[in-house]
PDB file of N, CA and C in Angstrom:
ATOM      1  N   MET A   1       0.845  -1.172   0.000  1.00  0.00           N
ATOM      2  CA  MET A   1       0.000   0.000   0.000  1.00  0.00           C
ATOM      3  C   MET A   1       0.897   1.245   0.000  1.00  0.00           C
ATOM      4  N   ASN A   2       0.622   2.158  -0.908  1.00  0.00           N
ATOM      5  CA  ASN A   2       1.456   3.352  -0.966  1.00  0.00           C
ATOM      6  C   ASN A   2       0.995   4.412   0.040  1.00  0.00           C
ATOM      7  N   LYS A   3       1.779   5.474   0.153  1.00  0.00           N
ATOM      8  CA  LYS A   3       1.533   6.512   1.164  1.00  0.00           C
ATOM      9  C   LYS A   3       0.169   7.168   1.003  1.00  0.00           C
ATOM     10  N   GLN A   4      -0.217   7.425  -0.260  1.00  0.00           N
ATOM     11  CA  GLN A   4      -1.484   8.112  -0.483  1.00  0.00           C
ATOM     12  C   GLN A   4      -2.667   7.252  -0.040  1.00  0.00           C
ATOM     13  N   GLN A   5      -2.604   5.968  -0.318  1.00  0.00           N
ATOM     14  CA  GLN A   5      -3.666   5.074   0.118  1.00  0.00           C
ATOM     15  C   GLN A   5      -3.709   4.984   1.638  1.00  0.00           C
ATOM     16  N   GLN A   6      -2.549   4.970   2.277  1.00  0.00           N
ATOM     17  CA  GLN A   6      -2.507   4.931   3.738  1.00  0.00           C
ATOM     18  C   GLN A   6      -3.142   6.178   4.339  1.00  0.00           C
ATOM     19  N   LYS A   7      -2.814   7.352   3.775  1.00  0.00           N
ATOM     20  CA  LYS A   7      -3.400   8.599   4.269  1.00  0.00           C
ATOM     21  C   LYS A   7      -4.918   8.579   4.116  1.00  0.00           C
ATOM     22  N   ARG A   8      -5.382   8.109   2.950  1.00  0.00           N
ATOM     23  CA  ARG A   8      -6.819   8.055   2.684  1.00  0.00           C
ATOM     24  C   ARG A   8      -7.515   7.105   3.655  1.00  0.00           C
ATOM     25  N   ASN A   9      -6.888   5.964   3.909  1.00  0.00           N
ATOM     26  CA  ASN A   9      -7.474   4.995   4.836  1.00  0.00           C
ATOM     27  C   ASN A   9      -7.520   5.528   6.261  1.00  0.00           C
ATOM     28  N   LYS A  10      -6.464   6.199   6.693  1.00  0.00           N
ATOM     29  CA  LYS A  10      -6.445   6.763   8.046  1.00  0.00           C
ATOM     30  C   LYS A  10      -7.531   7.823   8.212  1.00  0.00           C
ATOM     31  N   ARG A  11      -7.694   8.682   7.197  1.00  0.00           N
ATOM     32  CA  ARG A  11      -8.732   9.706   7.267  1.00  0.00           C
ATOM     33  C   ARG A  11     -10.101   9.054   7.303  1.00  0.00           C
ATOM     34  N   SER A  12     -10.270   7.979   6.542  1.00  0.00           N
ATOM     35  CA  SER A  12     -11.539   7.270   6.524  1.00  0.00           C
ATOM     36  C   SER A  12     -11.867   6.693   7.904  1.00  0.00           C
ATOM     37  N   LEU A  13     -10.866   6.160   8.587  1.00  0.00           N
ATOM     38  CA  LEU A  13     -11.076   5.641   9.942  1.00  0.00           C
ATOM     39  C   LEU A  13     -11.434   6.763  10.921  1.00  0.00           C
ATOM     40  N   ARG A  14     -10.731   7.891  10.826  1.00  0.00           N
ATOM     41  CA  ARG A  14     -11.046   9.031  11.696  1.00  0.00           C
ATOM     42  C   ARG A  14     -12.458   9.522  11.430  1.00  0.00           C
ATOM     43  N   HIS A  15     -12.832   9.588  10.150  1.00  0.00           N
ATOM     44  CA  HIS A  15     -14.165  10.058   9.804  1.00  0.00           C
ATOM     45  C   HIS A  15     -15.224   9.099  10.338  1.00  0.00           C
ATOM     46  N   GLY A  16     -14.935   7.809  10.308  1.00  0.00           N
ATOM     47  CA  GLY A  16     -15.860   6.822  10.860  1.00  0.00           C
ATOM     48  C   GLY A  16     -16.085   7.015  12.339  1.00  0.00           C
ATOM     49  N   ARG A  17     -15.022   7.336  13.065  1.00  0.00           N
ATOM     50  CA  ARG A  17     -15.157   7.591  14.508  1.00  0.00           C
ATOM     51  C   ARG A  17     -16.002   8.827  14.757  1.00  0.00           C
ATOM     52  N   VAL A  18     -15.786   9.866  13.954  1.00  0.00           N
ATOM     53  CA  VAL A  18     -16.572  11.095  14.105  1.00  0.00           C
ATOM     54  C   VAL A  18     -18.041  10.818  13.785  1.00  0.00           C
ATOM     55  N   ARG A  19     -18.279  10.077  12.697  1.00  0.00           N
ATOM     56  CA  ARG A  19     -19.653   9.812  12.266  1.00  0.00           C
ATOM     57  C   ARG A  19     -20.415   8.888  13.206  1.00  0.00           C
ATOM     58  N   SER A  20     -19.683   8.087  13.995  1.00  0.00           N
ATOM     59  CA  SER A  20     -20.384   7.232  14.949  1.00  0.00           C
ATOM     60  C   SER A  20     -21.014   8.053  16.070  1.00  0.00           C
ATOM     61  N   ARG A  21     -20.520   9.253  16.272  1.00  0.00           N
ATOM     62  CA  ARG A  21     -21.038  10.119  17.338  1.00  0.00           C
ATOM     63  C   ARG A  21     -21.951  11.232  16.827  1.00  0.00           C
ATOM     64  N   ILE A  22     -21.813  11.590  15.554  1.00  0.00           N
ATOM     65  CA  ILE A  22     -22.553  12.734  15.020  1.00  0.00           C
ATOM     66  C   ILE A  22     -23.562  12.268  13.980  1.00  0.00           C
ATOM     67  N   ALA A  23     -24.816  12.657  14.163  1.00  0.00           N
ATOM     68  CA  ALA A  23     -25.859  12.405  13.170  1.00  0.00           C
ATOM     69  C   ALA A  23     -26.761  13.621  13.121  1.00  0.00           C
ATOM     70  N   GLY A  24     -27.061  14.069  11.926  1.00  0.00           N
ATOM     71  CA  GLY A  24     -27.915  15.234  11.764  1.00  0.00           C
ATOM     72  C   GLY A  24     -29.375  14.871  11.911  1.00  0.00           C
ATOM     73  N   THR A  25     -30.133  15.762  12.504  1.00  0.00           N
ATOM     74  CA  THR A  25     -31.570  15.583  12.651  1.00  0.00           C
ATOM     75  C   THR A  25     -32.281  16.694  11.887  1.00  0.00           C
ATOM     76  N   THR A  26     -33.591  16.624  11.866  1.00  0.00           N
ATOM     77  CA  THR A  26     -34.348  17.668  11.182  1.00  0.00           C
ATOM     78  C   THR A  26     -34.166  19.007  11.890  1.00  0.00           C
ATOM     79  N   ALA A  27     -34.136  18.975  13.224  1.00  0.00           N
ATOM     80  CA  ALA A  27     -33.972  20.212  13.993  1.00  0.00           C
ATOM     81  C   ALA A  27     -32.538  20.739  13.917  1.00  0.00           C
ATOM     82  N   ARG A  28     -31.566  19.823  13.845  1.00  0.00           N
ATOM     83  CA  ARG A  28     -30.156  20.218  13.841  1.00  0.00           C
ATOM     84  C   ARG A  28     -29.380  19.341  12.855  1.00  0.00           C
ATOM     85  N   PRO A  29     -29.384  19.711  11.561  1.00  0.00           N
ATOM     86  CA  PRO A  29     -28.704  18.894  10.566  1.00  0.00           C
ATOM     87  C   PRO A  29     -27.176  18.952  10.702  1.00  0.00           C
ATOM     88  N   ARG A  30     -26.505  18.096   9.963  1.00  0.00           N
ATOM     89  CA  ARG A  30     -25.051  17.968  10.043  1.00  0.00           C
ATOM     90  C   ARG A  30     -24.401  18.788   8.941  1.00  0.00           C
ATOM     91  N   LEU A  31     -23.402  19.608   9.312  1.00  0.00           N
ATOM     92  CA  LEU A  31     -22.603  20.366   8.351  1.00  0.00           C
ATOM     93  C   LEU A  31     -21.353  19.539   8.063  1.00  0.00           C
ATOM     94  N   SER A  32     -21.324  18.897   6.906  1.00  0.00           N
ATOM     95  CA  SER A  32     -20.246  17.987   6.543  1.00  0.00           C
ATOM     96  C   SER A  32     -19.251  18.693   5.624  1.00  0.00           C
ATOM     97  N   ILE A  33     -17.960  18.496   5.896  1.00  0.00           N
ATOM     98  CA  ILE A  33     -16.894  19.166   5.158  1.00  0.00           C
ATOM     99  C   ILE A  33     -16.050  18.128   4.436  1.00  0.00           C
ATOM    100  N   PHE A  34     -15.654  18.433   3.198  1.00  0.00           N
ATOM    101  CA  PHE A  34     -14.661  17.635   2.488  1.00  0.00           C
ATOM    102  C   PHE A  34     -13.633  18.585   1.904  1.00  0.00           C
ATOM    103  N   LYS A  35     -12.371  18.240   2.088  1.00  0.00           N
ATOM    104  CA  LYS A  35     -11.273  19.092   1.634  1.00  0.00           C
ATOM    105  C   LYS A  35     -10.451  18.317   0.606  1.00  0.00           C
ATOM    106  N   ALA A  36     -10.334  18.857  -0.584  1.00  0.00           N
ATOM    107  CA  ALA A  36      -9.465  18.293  -1.609  1.00  0.00           C
ATOM    108  C   ALA A  36      -8.249  19.216  -1.728  1.00  0.00           C
ATOM    109  N   ASN A  37      -7.327  18.878  -2.587  1.00  0.00           N
ATOM    110  CA  ASN A  37      -6.132  19.714  -2.732  1.00  0.00           C
ATOM    111  C   ASN A  37      -6.468  21.122  -3.194  1.00  0.00           C
ATOM    112  N   ARG A  38      -7.391  21.230  -4.131  1.00  0.00           N
ATOM    113  CA  ARG A  38      -7.661  22.519  -4.742  1.00  0.00           C
ATOM    114  C   ARG A  38      -8.916  23.202  -4.207  1.00  0.00           C
ATOM    115  N   HIS A  39      -9.924  22.426  -3.819  1.00  0.00           N
ATOM    116  CA  HIS A  39     -11.208  22.996  -3.432  1.00  0.00           C
ATOM    117  C   HIS A  39     -11.650  22.459  -2.082  1.00  0.00           C
ATOM    118  N   ILE A  40     -12.668  23.120  -1.512  1.00  0.00           N
ATOM    119  CA  ILE A  40     -13.281  22.662  -0.266  1.00  0.00           C
ATOM    120  C   ILE A  40     -14.797  22.663  -0.480  1.00  0.00           C
ATOM    121  N   TYR A  41     -15.449  21.648   0.059  1.00  0.00           N
ATOM    122  CA  TYR A  41     -16.871  21.445  -0.156  1.00  0.00           C
ATOM    123  C   TYR A  41     -17.579  21.345   1.188  1.00  0.00           C
ATOM    124  N   ALA A  42     -18.809  21.838   1.253  1.00  0.00           N
ATOM    125  CA  ALA A  42     -19.603  21.760   2.477  1.00  0.00           C
ATOM    126  C   ALA A  42     -21.036  21.404   2.106  1.00  0.00           C
ATOM    127  N   GLN A  43     -21.630  20.532   2.921  1.00  0.00           N
ATOM    128  CA  GLN A  43     -23.020  20.135   2.726  1.00  0.00           C
ATOM    129  C   GLN A  43     -23.737  20.178   4.063  1.00  0.00           C
ATOM    130  N   VAL A  44     -24.999  20.531   4.037  1.00  0.00           N
ATOM    131  CA  VAL A  44     -25.844  20.436   5.217  1.00  0.00           C
ATOM    132  C   VAL A  44     -26.792  19.274   4.966  1.00  0.00           C
ATOM    133  N   ILE A  45     -26.702  18.242   5.835  1.00  0.00           N
ATOM    134  CA  ILE A  45     -27.376  16.975   5.601  1.00  0.00           C
ATOM    135  C   ILE A  45     -28.304  16.639   6.765  1.00  0.00           C
ATOM    136  N   ASP A  46     -29.517  16.211   6.433  1.00  0.00           N
ATOM    137  CA  ASP A  46     -30.462  15.696   7.418  1.00  0.00           C
ATOM    138  C   ASP A  46     -30.382  14.173   7.355  1.00  0.00           C
ATOM    139  N   ASP A  47     -29.701  13.557   8.324  1.00  0.00           N
ATOM    140  CA  ASP A  47     -29.482  12.113   8.303  1.00  0.00           C
ATOM    141  C   ASP A  47     -30.735  11.311   8.635  1.00  0.00           C
ATOM    142  N   SER A  48     -31.701  11.917   9.321  1.00  0.00           N
ATOM    143  CA  SER A  48     -32.913  11.174   9.658  1.00  0.00           C
ATOM    144  C   SER A  48     -33.723  10.829   8.408  1.00  0.00           C
ATOM    145  N   VAL A  49     -33.638  11.667   7.385  1.00  0.00           N
ATOM    146  CA  VAL A  49     -34.324  11.399   6.125  1.00  0.00           C
ATOM    147  C   VAL A  49     -33.341  10.963   5.040  1.00  0.00           C
ATOM    148  N   GLY A  50     -32.047  11.192   5.274  1.00  0.00           N
ATOM    149  CA  GLY A  50     -31.036  10.840   4.286  1.00  0.00           C
ATOM    150  C   GLY A  50     -31.011  11.795   3.117  1.00  0.00           C
ATOM    151  N   LYS A  51     -31.167  13.090   3.399  1.00  0.00           N
ATOM    152  CA  LYS A  51     -31.271  14.082   2.350  1.00  0.00           C
ATOM    153  C   LYS A  51     -30.269  15.209   2.546  1.00  0.00           C
ATOM    154  N   THR A  52     -29.654  15.660   1.456  1.00  0.00           N
ATOM    155  CA  THR A  52     -28.800  16.839   1.488  1.00  0.00           C
ATOM    156  C   THR A  52     -29.685  18.061   1.298  1.00  0.00           C
ATOM    157  N   LEU A  53     -29.658  18.956   2.269  1.00  0.00           N
ATOM    158  CA  LEU A  53     -30.509  20.140   2.218  1.00  0.00           C
ATOM    159  C   LEU A  53     -29.912  21.224   1.327  1.00  0.00           C
ATOM    160  N   LEU A  54     -28.593  21.410   1.423  1.00  0.00           N
ATOM    161  CA  LEU A  54     -27.912  22.407   0.609  1.00  0.00           C
ATOM    162  C   LEU A  54     -26.434  22.085   0.544  1.00  0.00           C
ATOM    163  N   ALA A  55     -25.763  22.685  -0.419  1.00  0.00           N
ATOM    164  CA  ALA A  55     -24.330  22.455  -0.587  1.00  0.00           C
ATOM    165  C   ALA A  55     -23.679  23.723  -1.110  1.00  0.00           C
ATOM    166  N   ALA A  56     -22.388  23.859  -0.822  1.00  0.00           N
ATOM    167  CA  ALA A  56     -21.605  24.977  -1.330  1.00  0.00           C
ATOM    168  C   ALA A  56     -20.171  24.517  -1.485  1.00  0.00           C
ATOM    169  N   SER A  57     -19.433  25.173  -2.355  1.00  0.00           N
ATOM    170  CA  SER A  57     -18.035  24.812  -2.544  1.00  0.00           C
ATOM    171  C   SER A  57     -17.226  26.037  -2.944  1.00  0.00           C
ATOM    172  N   SER A  58     -15.919  25.869  -2.917  1.00  0.00           N
ATOM    173  CA  SER A  58     -15.046  26.976  -3.314  1.00  0.00           C
ATOM    174  C   SER A  58     -15.138  27.218  -4.813  1.00  0.00           C
ATOM    175  N   LYS A  59     -15.669  26.256  -5.568  1.00  0.00           N
ATOM    176  CA  LYS A  59     -15.890  26.472  -7.002  1.00  0.00           C
ATOM    177  C   LYS A  59     -16.926  27.571  -7.219  1.00  0.00           C
ATOM    178  N   GLU A  60     -17.981  27.559  -6.406  1.00  0.00           N
ATOM    179  CA  GLU A  60     -19.020  28.583  -6.499  1.00  0.00           C
ATOM    180  C   GLU A  60     -18.468  29.953  -6.136  1.00  0.00           C
ATOM    181  N   VAL A  61     -17.685  30.000  -5.059  1.00  0.00           N
ATOM    182  CA  VAL A  61     -17.148  31.268  -4.570  1.00  0.00           C
ATOM    183  C   VAL A  61     -16.179  31.861  -5.576  1.00  0.00           C
ATOM    184  N   SER A  62     -15.280  31.037  -6.128  1.00  0.00           N
ATOM    185  CA  SER A  62     -14.300  31.562  -7.080  1.00  0.00           C
ATOM    186  C   SER A  62     -14.965  31.948  -8.393  1.00  0.00           C
ATOM    187  N   ALA A  63     -16.067  31.276  -8.754  1.00  0.00           N
ATOM    188  CA  ALA A  63     -16.787  31.633  -9.971  1.00  0.00           C
ATOM    189  C   ALA A  63     -17.478  32.987  -9.819  1.00  0.00           C
ATOM    190  N   LYS A  64     -17.887  33.297  -8.568  1.00  0.00           N
ATOM    191  CA  LYS A  64     -18.538  34.582  -8.315  1.00  0.00           C
ATOM    192  C   LYS A  64     -17.530  35.703  -8.104  1.00  0.00           C
ATOM    193  N   GLY A  65     -16.240  35.380  -8.119  1.00  0.00           N
ATOM    194  CA  GLY A  65     -15.223  36.398  -7.866  1.00  0.00           C
ATOM    195  C   GLY A  65     -15.147  36.720  -6.398  1.00  0.00           C
ATOM    196  N   GLY A  66     -15.081  35.690  -5.545  1.00  0.00           N
ATOM    197  CA  GLY A  66     -15.108  35.863  -4.103  1.00  0.00           C
ATOM    198  C   GLY A  66     -13.828  36.394  -3.497  1.00  0.00           C
ATOM    199  N   SER A  67     -12.793  36.576  -4.282  1.00  0.00           N
ATOM    200  CA  SER A  67     -11.527  37.058  -3.741  1.00  0.00           C
ATOM    201  C   SER A  67     -11.639  38.530  -3.366  1.00  0.00           C
ATOM    202  N   ALA A  68     -11.475  38.811  -2.094  1.00  0.00           N
ATOM    203  CA  ALA A  68     -11.598  40.196  -1.624  1.00  0.00           C
ATOM    204  C   ALA A  68     -10.369  41.019  -1.992  1.00  0.00           C
ATOM    205  N   SER A  69      -9.199  40.359  -2.100  1.00  0.00           N
ATOM    206  CA  SER A  69      -7.965  41.087  -2.354  1.00  0.00           C
ATOM    207  C   SER A  69      -7.812  41.465  -3.820  1.00  0.00           C
ATOM    208  N   GLY A  70      -8.603  40.866  -4.698  1.00  0.00           N
ATOM    209  CA  GLY A  70      -8.504  41.188  -6.106  1.00  0.00           C
ATOM    210  C   GLY A  70      -7.573  40.250  -6.852  1.00  0.00           C
ATOM    211  N   GLY A  71      -6.535  39.774  -6.201  1.00  0.00           N
ATOM    212  CA  GLY A  71      -5.598  38.832  -6.813  1.00  0.00           C
ATOM    213  C   GLY A  71      -6.039  37.413  -6.568  1.00  0.00           C
ATOM    214  N   LYS A  72      -5.085  36.511  -6.621  1.00  0.00           N
ATOM    215  CA  LYS A  72      -5.395  35.109  -6.368  1.00  0.00           C
ATOM    216  C   LYS A  72      -5.618  34.914  -4.874  1.00  0.00           C
ATOM    217  N   ALA A  73      -6.770  34.364  -4.524  1.00  0.00           N
ATOM    218  CA  ALA A  73      -7.135  34.210  -3.115  1.00  0.00           C
ATOM    219  C   ALA A  73      -6.426  33.002  -2.509  1.00  0.00           C
ATOM    220  N   LYS A  74      -6.144  33.085  -1.214  1.00  0.00           N
ATOM    221  CA  LYS A  74      -5.601  31.946  -0.485  1.00  0.00           C
ATOM    222  C   LYS A  74      -6.707  30.927  -0.286  1.00  0.00           C
ATOM    223  N   LYS A  75      -6.314  29.666  -0.129  1.00  0.00           N
ATOM    224  CA  LYS A  75      -7.298  28.607   0.073  1.00  0.00           C
ATOM    225  C   LYS A  75      -8.082  28.827   1.352  1.00  0.00           C
ATOM    226  N   SER A  76      -7.424  29.308   2.404  1.00  0.00           N
ATOM    227  CA  SER A  76      -8.127  29.521   3.670  1.00  0.00           C
ATOM    228  C   SER A  76      -9.122  30.680   3.553  1.00  0.00           C
ATOM    229  N   ASP A  77      -8.795  31.690   2.752  1.00  0.00           N
ATOM    230  CA  ASP A  77      -9.737  32.788   2.536  1.00  0.00           C
ATOM    231  C   ASP A  77     -10.969  32.301   1.772  1.00  0.00           C
ATOM    232  N   LEU A  78     -10.725  31.441   0.772  1.00  0.00           N
ATOM    233  CA  LEU A  78     -11.850  30.861   0.028  1.00  0.00           C
ATOM    234  C   LEU A  78     -12.713  30.001   0.945  1.00  0.00           C
ATOM    235  N   ALA A  79     -12.069  29.260   1.846  1.00  0.00           N
ATOM    236  CA  ALA A  79     -12.813  28.407   2.776  1.00  0.00           C
ATOM    237  C   ALA A  79     -13.710  29.255   3.670  1.00  0.00           C
ATOM    238  N   LYS A  80     -13.214  30.394   4.112  1.00  0.00           N
ATOM    239  CA  LYS A  80     -14.023  31.283   4.951  1.00  0.00           C
ATOM    240  C   LYS A  80     -15.240  31.798   4.174  1.00  0.00           C
ATOM    241  N   GLU A  81     -15.028  32.119   2.908  1.00  0.00           N
ATOM    242  CA  GLU A  81     -16.133  32.577   2.058  1.00  0.00           C
ATOM    243  C   GLU A  81     -17.157  31.456   1.847  1.00  0.00           C
ATOM    244  N   VAL A  82     -16.678  30.222   1.711  1.00  0.00           N
ATOM    245  CA  VAL A  82     -17.588  29.075   1.569  1.00  0.00           C
ATOM    246  C   VAL A  82     -18.428  28.933   2.837  1.00  0.00           C
ATOM    247  N   GLY A  83     -17.805  29.124   4.005  1.00  0.00           N
ATOM    248  CA  GLY A  83     -18.536  29.071   5.263  1.00  0.00           C
ATOM    249  C   GLY A  83     -19.638  30.112   5.325  1.00  0.00           C
ATOM    250  N   LYS A  84     -19.335  31.318   4.885  1.00  0.00           N
ATOM    251  CA  LYS A  84     -20.346  32.375   4.864  1.00  0.00           C
ATOM    252  C   LYS A  84     -21.470  32.046   3.878  1.00  0.00           C
ATOM    253  N   LEU A  85     -21.094  31.463   2.733  1.00  0.00           N
ATOM    254  CA  LEU A  85     -22.087  31.088   1.729  1.00  0.00           C
ATOM    255  C   LEU A  85     -23.010  29.989   2.257  1.00  0.00           C
ATOM    256  N   VAL A  86     -22.434  29.000   2.928  1.00  0.00           N
ATOM    257  CA  VAL A  86     -23.239  27.922   3.528  1.00  0.00           C
ATOM    258  C   VAL A  86     -24.198  28.507   4.553  1.00  0.00           C
ATOM    259  N   ALA A  87     -23.701  29.420   5.380  1.00  0.00           N
ATOM    260  CA  ALA A  87     -24.548  30.025   6.411  1.00  0.00           C
ATOM    261  C   ALA A  87     -25.706  30.793   5.795  1.00  0.00           C
ATOM    262  N   SER A  88     -25.435  31.561   4.744  1.00  0.00           N
ATOM    263  CA  SER A  88     -26.516  32.336   4.130  1.00  0.00           C
ATOM    264  C   SER A  88     -27.551  31.421   3.478  1.00  0.00           C
ATOM    265  N   LYS A  89     -27.082  30.347   2.827  1.00  0.00           N
ATOM    266  CA  LYS A  89     -28.025  29.396   2.231  1.00  0.00           C
ATOM    267  C   LYS A  89     -28.844  28.688   3.311  1.00  0.00           C
ATOM    268  N   ALA A  90     -28.190  28.333   4.425  1.00  0.00           N
ATOM    269  CA  ALA A  90     -28.881  27.638   5.509  1.00  0.00           C
ATOM    270  C   ALA A  90     -29.924  28.544   6.153  1.00  0.00           C
ATOM    271  N   LEU A  91     -29.566  29.783   6.396  1.00  0.00           N
ATOM    272  CA  LEU A  91     -30.523  30.706   7.010  1.00  0.00           C
ATOM    273  C   LEU A  91     -31.713  30.957   6.096  1.00  0.00           C
ATOM    274  N   SER A  92     -31.496  30.933   4.787  1.00  0.00           N
ATOM    275  CA  SER A  92     -32.620  31.113   3.866  1.00  0.00           C
ATOM    276  C   SER A  92     -33.564  29.905   3.897  1.00  0.00           C
ATOM    277  N   LYS A  93     -33.062  28.745   4.329  1.00  0.00           N
ATOM    278  CA  LYS A  93     -33.908  27.545   4.469  1.00  0.00           C
ATOM    279  C   LYS A  93     -34.322  27.324   5.919  1.00  0.00           C
ATOM    280  N   ASN A  94     -34.201  28.340   6.753  1.00  0.00           N
ATOM    281  CA  ASN A  94     -34.589  28.311   8.171  1.00  0.00           C
ATOM    282  C   ASN A  94     -33.815  27.278   8.984  1.00  0.00           C
ATOM    283  N   VAL A  95     -32.550  27.077   8.661  1.00  0.00           N
ATOM    284  CA  VAL A  95     -31.665  26.228   9.452  1.00  0.00           C
ATOM    285  C   VAL A  95     -30.719  27.165  10.193  1.00  0.00           C
ATOM    286  N   LYS A  96     -30.877  27.213  11.523  1.00  0.00           N
ATOM    287  CA  LYS A  96     -30.066  28.135  12.312  1.00  0.00           C
ATOM    288  C   LYS A  96     -28.960  27.433  13.086  1.00  0.00           C
ATOM    289  N   ALA A  97     -29.151  26.140  13.408  1.00  0.00           N
ATOM    290  CA  ALA A  97     -28.177  25.388  14.195  1.00  0.00           C
ATOM    291  C   ALA A  97     -27.821  24.100  13.463  1.00  0.00           C
ATOM    292  N   VAL A  98     -26.535  23.768  13.483  1.00  0.00           N
ATOM    293  CA  VAL A  98     -26.055  22.543  12.836  1.00  0.00           C
ATOM    294  C   VAL A  98     -25.075  21.821  13.747  1.00  0.00           C
ATOM    295  N   LYS A  99     -24.797  20.568  13.420  1.00  0.00           N
ATOM    296  CA  LYS A  99     -23.726  19.821  14.070  1.00  0.00           C
ATOM    297  C   LYS A  99     -22.562  19.806  13.098  1.00  0.00           C
ATOM    298  N   PHE A 100     -21.363  20.103  13.573  1.00  0.00           N
ATOM    299  CA  PHE A 100     -20.199  20.236  12.702  1.00  0.00           C
ATOM    300  C   PHE A 100     -19.497  18.901  12.537  1.00  0.00           C
ATOM    301  N   ASP A 101     -19.363  18.447  11.295  1.00  0.00           N
ATOM    302  CA  ASP A 101     -18.669  17.207  10.964  1.00  0.00           C
ATOM    303  C   ASP A 101     -17.432  17.581  10.153  1.00  0.00           C
ATOM    304  N   ARG A 102     -16.271  17.498  10.779  1.00  0.00           N
ATOM    305  CA  ARG A 102     -15.035  17.916  10.127  1.00  0.00           C
ATOM    306  C   ARG A 102     -14.511  16.899   9.130  1.00  0.00           C
ATOM    307  N   GLY A 103     -15.163  15.752   9.011  1.00  0.00           N
ATOM    308  CA  GLY A 103     -14.835  14.789   7.977  1.00  0.00           C
ATOM    309  C   GLY A 103     -13.520  14.061   8.170  1.00  0.00           C
ATOM    310  N   GLY A 104     -13.053  13.940   9.406  1.00  0.00           N
ATOM    311  CA  GLY A 104     -11.799  13.247   9.649  1.00  0.00           C
ATOM    312  C   GLY A 104     -10.577  14.115   9.465  1.00  0.00           C
ATOM    313  N   PHE A 105     -10.775  15.366   9.109  1.00  0.00           N
ATOM    314  CA  PHE A 105      -9.661  16.299   8.943  1.00  0.00           C
ATOM    315  C   PHE A 105      -9.383  16.995  10.265  1.00  0.00           C
ATOM    316  N   ALA A 106      -8.138  17.398  10.471  1.00  0.00           N
ATOM    317  CA  ALA A 106      -7.773  18.120  11.691  1.00  0.00           C
ATOM    318  C   ALA A 106      -8.436  19.495  11.682  1.00  0.00           C
ATOM    319  N   TYR A 107      -8.845  19.965  12.869  1.00  0.00           N
ATOM    320  CA  TYR A 107      -9.531  21.260  12.977  1.00  0.00           C
ATOM    321  C   TYR A 107      -8.501  22.384  13.008  1.00  0.00           C
ATOM    322  N   HIS A 108      -7.940  22.688  11.861  1.00  0.00           N
ATOM    323  CA  HIS A 108      -7.067  23.848  11.706  1.00  0.00           C
ATOM    324  C   HIS A 108      -7.008  24.190  10.230  1.00  0.00           C
ATOM    325  N   GLY A 109      -6.444  25.314   9.904  1.00  0.00           N
ATOM    326  CA  GLY A 109      -6.310  25.706   8.505  1.00  0.00           C
ATOM    327  C   GLY A 109      -7.645  25.966   7.846  1.00  0.00           C
ATOM    328  N   ARG A 110      -7.859  25.302   6.717  1.00  0.00           N
ATOM    329  CA  ARG A 110      -9.067  25.547   5.923  1.00  0.00           C
ATOM    330  C   ARG A 110     -10.340  25.094   6.625  1.00  0.00           C
ATOM    331  N   ILE A 111     -10.260  24.002   7.397  1.00  0.00           N
ATOM    332  CA  ILE A 111     -11.444  23.517   8.110  1.00  0.00           C
ATOM    333  C   ILE A 111     -11.866  24.544   9.158  1.00  0.00           C
ATOM    334  N   LYS A 112     -10.890  25.060   9.891  1.00  0.00           N
ATOM    335  CA  LYS A 112     -11.164  26.071  10.914  1.00  0.00           C
ATOM    336  C   LYS A 112     -11.696  27.352  10.276  1.00  0.00           C
ATOM    337  N   ALA A 113     -11.123  27.743   9.133  1.00  0.00           N
ATOM    338  CA  ALA A 113     -11.569  28.959   8.445  1.00  0.00           C
ATOM    339  C   ALA A 113     -13.016  28.823   7.983  1.00  0.00           C
ATOM    340  N   LEU A 114     -13.374  27.650   7.459  1.00  0.00           N
ATOM    341  CA  LEU A 114     -14.752  27.433   7.034  1.00  0.00           C
ATOM    342  C   LEU A 114     -15.701  27.521   8.224  1.00  0.00           C
ATOM    343  N   ALA A 115     -15.317  26.915   9.344  1.00  0.00           N
ATOM    344  CA  ALA A 115     -16.155  26.955  10.544  1.00  0.00           C
ATOM    345  C   ALA A 115     -16.336  28.390  11.035  1.00  0.00           C
ATOM    346  N   GLU A 116     -15.255  29.162  11.046  1.00  0.00           N
ATOM    347  CA  GLU A 116     -15.348  30.556  11.487  1.00  0.00           C
ATOM    348  C   GLU A 116     -16.233  31.363  10.549  1.00  0.00           C
ATOM    349  N   GLY A 117     -16.119  31.116   9.242  1.00  0.00           N
ATOM    350  CA  GLY A 117     -16.968  31.807   8.274  1.00  0.00           C
ATOM    351  C   GLY A 117     -18.434  31.477   8.474  1.00  0.00           C
ATOM    352  N   ALA A 118     -18.728  30.207   8.766  1.00  0.00           N
ATOM    353  CA  ALA A 118     -20.116  29.801   8.999  1.00  0.00           C
ATOM    354  C   ALA A 118     -20.666  30.450  10.266  1.00  0.00           C
ATOM    355  N   ARG A 119     -19.824  30.527  11.300  1.00  0.00           N
ATOM    356  CA  ARG A 119     -20.265  31.189  12.542  1.00  0.00           C
ATOM    357  C   ARG A 119     -20.505  32.668  12.307  1.00  0.00           C
ATOM    358  N   GLU A 120     -19.608  33.324  11.541  1.00  0.00           N
ATOM    359  CA  GLU A 120     -19.799  34.743  11.230  1.00  0.00           C
ATOM    360  C   GLU A 120     -21.070  34.955  10.426  1.00  0.00           C
ATOM    361  N   GLY A 121     -21.392  33.984   9.572  1.00  0.00           N
ATOM    362  CA  GLY A 121     -22.605  34.086   8.754  1.00  0.00           C
ATOM    363  C   GLY A 121     -23.887  33.877   9.531  1.00  0.00           C
ATOM    364  N   GLY A 122     -23.787  33.375  10.774  1.00  0.00           N
ATOM    365  CA  GLY A 122     -24.978  33.261  11.607  1.00  0.00           C
ATOM    366  C   GLY A 122     -25.358  31.842  12.000  1.00  0.00           C
ATOM    367  N   LEU A 123     -24.583  30.838  11.598  1.00  0.00           N
ATOM    368  CA  LEU A 123     -24.893  29.467  12.021  1.00  0.00           C
ATOM    369  C   LEU A 123     -24.416  29.233  13.440  1.00  0.00           C
ATOM    370  N   ASP A 124     -25.151  28.401  14.162  1.00  0.00           N
ATOM    371  CA  ASP A 124     -24.826  28.094  15.541  1.00  0.00           C
ATOM    372  C   ASP A 124     -24.391  26.638  15.636  1.00  0.00           C
ATOM    373  N   PHE A 125     -23.137  26.408  16.116  1.00  0.00           N
ATOM    374  CA  PHE A 125     -22.663  25.053  16.414  1.00  0.00           C
ATOM    375  C   PHE A 125     -21.507  25.105  17.374  1.00  0.00           C
TER     376      PHE A 125
END
């Protein structure tokens, strides 16, 4: 097994441990995060029905010209914008509180920036 497969498997195990404790409900859905090399994705999921309520990604933010500095945006800045976008979409669907699922990733860098952006946007978790 090569290094990349080992990393993927370890993250999968960590995510399994997180998911065994966290499940979204209708009153408090789960905010699930996935981080790839280039982009970051967020979904708000109601696990009781098995439905994705809304989704946002850094692809949407960069397509809208989300870079505040005008130049090439940092990944963490894009992640913060994705958090704000998720929060605004969630509030428009009357979702005010969520459970945060970091997806097996460490809570720093882009994951932390997305969480802070979502909190600034008005989500409670």
